[in-house]
Amino acid sequence: MVLICWDLHGNRCTETVPVHQARHRRLQLEQQGAVVYWSERLANG
């Protein structure tokens, strides 16, 4: 899993997505105007 943190129009949000979807989700967010300021791969628990 990957934790993605971003800011969109002054609203900070976080989301956890599967590793294989993380790059696609980050690109989606950036296309919507979000600034992705952190992404971190989480340990498999």
C-alpha atoms as a PDB file:
ATOM      1  CA  MET A   1       0.000   0.000   0.000  1.00  0.00           C
ATOM      2  CA  VAL A   2       1.059   3.581  -0.645  1.00  0.00           C
ATOM      3  CA  LEU A   3       0.034   6.600   1.413  1.00  0.00           C
ATOM      4  CA  ILE A   4      -0.463   9.708  -0.751  1.00  0.00           C
ATOM      5  CA  CYS A   5      -0.867  13.165   0.804  1.00  0.00           C
ATOM      6  CA  TRP A   6      -1.915  16.160  -1.263  1.00  0.00           C
ATOM      7  CA  ASP A   7      -3.315  19.676  -1.190  1.00  0.00           C
ATOM      8  CA  LEU A   8      -6.160  20.705  -3.489  1.00  0.00           C
ATOM      9  CA  HIS A   9      -7.533  24.254  -3.251  1.00  0.00           C
ATOM     10  CA  GLY A  10      -6.289  24.587   0.325  1.00  0.00           C
ATOM     11  CA  ASN A  11      -7.712  21.248   1.481  1.00  0.00           C
ATOM     12  CA  ARG A  12      -5.165  18.697   2.626  1.00  0.00           C
ATOM     13  CA  CYS A  13      -6.128  15.078   2.130  1.00  0.00           C
ATOM     14  CA  THR A  14      -4.600  11.630   2.435  1.00  0.00           C
ATOM     15  CA  GLU A  15      -5.417   8.382   0.727  1.00  0.00           C
ATOM     16  CA  THR A  16      -4.052   4.852   0.876  1.00  0.00           C
ATOM     17  CA  VAL A  17      -3.972   2.965  -2.415  1.00  0.00           C
ATOM     18  CA  PRO A  18      -2.493  -0.333  -3.613  1.00  0.00           C
ATOM     19  CA  VAL A  19       1.072  -0.079  -4.955  1.00  0.00           C
ATOM     20  CA  HIS A  20       0.007  -0.939  -8.510  1.00  0.00           C
ATOM     21  CA  GLN A  21      -2.465   1.997  -8.560  1.00  0.00           C
ATOM     22  CA  ALA A  22      -0.309   4.622  -6.843  1.00  0.00           C
ATOM     23  CA  ARG A  23       1.315   6.152  -9.921  1.00  0.00           C
ATOM     24  CA  HIS A  24      -2.003   6.387 -11.766  1.00  0.00           C
ATOM     25  CA  ARG A  25      -3.725   7.954  -8.745  1.00  0.00           C
ATOM     26  CA  ARG A  26      -0.932  10.497  -8.287  1.00  0.00           C
ATOM     27  CA  LEU A  27      -1.223  11.525 -11.938  1.00  0.00           C
ATOM     28  CA  GLN A  28      -5.015  11.823 -11.585  1.00  0.00           C
ATOM     29  CA  LEU A  29      -4.625  14.111  -8.589  1.00  0.00           C
ATOM     30  CA  GLU A  30      -2.046  16.289 -10.346  1.00  0.00           C
ATOM     31  CA  GLN A  31      -4.304  16.606 -13.402  1.00  0.00           C
ATOM     32  CA  GLN A  32      -7.054  17.903 -11.094  1.00  0.00           C
ATOM     33  CA  GLY A  33      -4.668  20.596  -9.848  1.00  0.00           C
ATOM     34  CA  ALA A  34      -3.577  18.949  -6.610  1.00  0.00           C
ATOM     35  CA  VAL A  35      -0.075  19.359  -5.242  1.00  0.00           C
ATOM     36  CA  VAL A  36       1.136  15.955  -4.077  1.00  0.00           C
ATOM     37  CA  TYR A  37       3.547  16.667  -1.238  1.00  0.00           C
ATOM     38  CA  TRP A  38       4.132  13.194   0.159  1.00  0.00           C
ATOM     39  CA  SER A  39       3.879   9.602  -0.942  1.00  0.00           C
ATOM     40  CA  GLU A  40       5.229   6.735   1.069  1.00  0.00           C
ATOM     41  CA  ARG A  41       5.157   3.009   0.568  1.00  0.00           C
ATOM     42  CA  LEU A  42       3.774   1.391   3.705  1.00  0.00           C
ATOM     43  CA  ALA A  43       5.103  -1.857   5.108  1.00  0.00           C
ATOM     44  CA  ASN A  44       2.918  -4.851   4.357  1.00  0.00           C
ATOM     45  CA  GLY A  45       1.341  -5.755   7.622  1.00  0.00           C
END
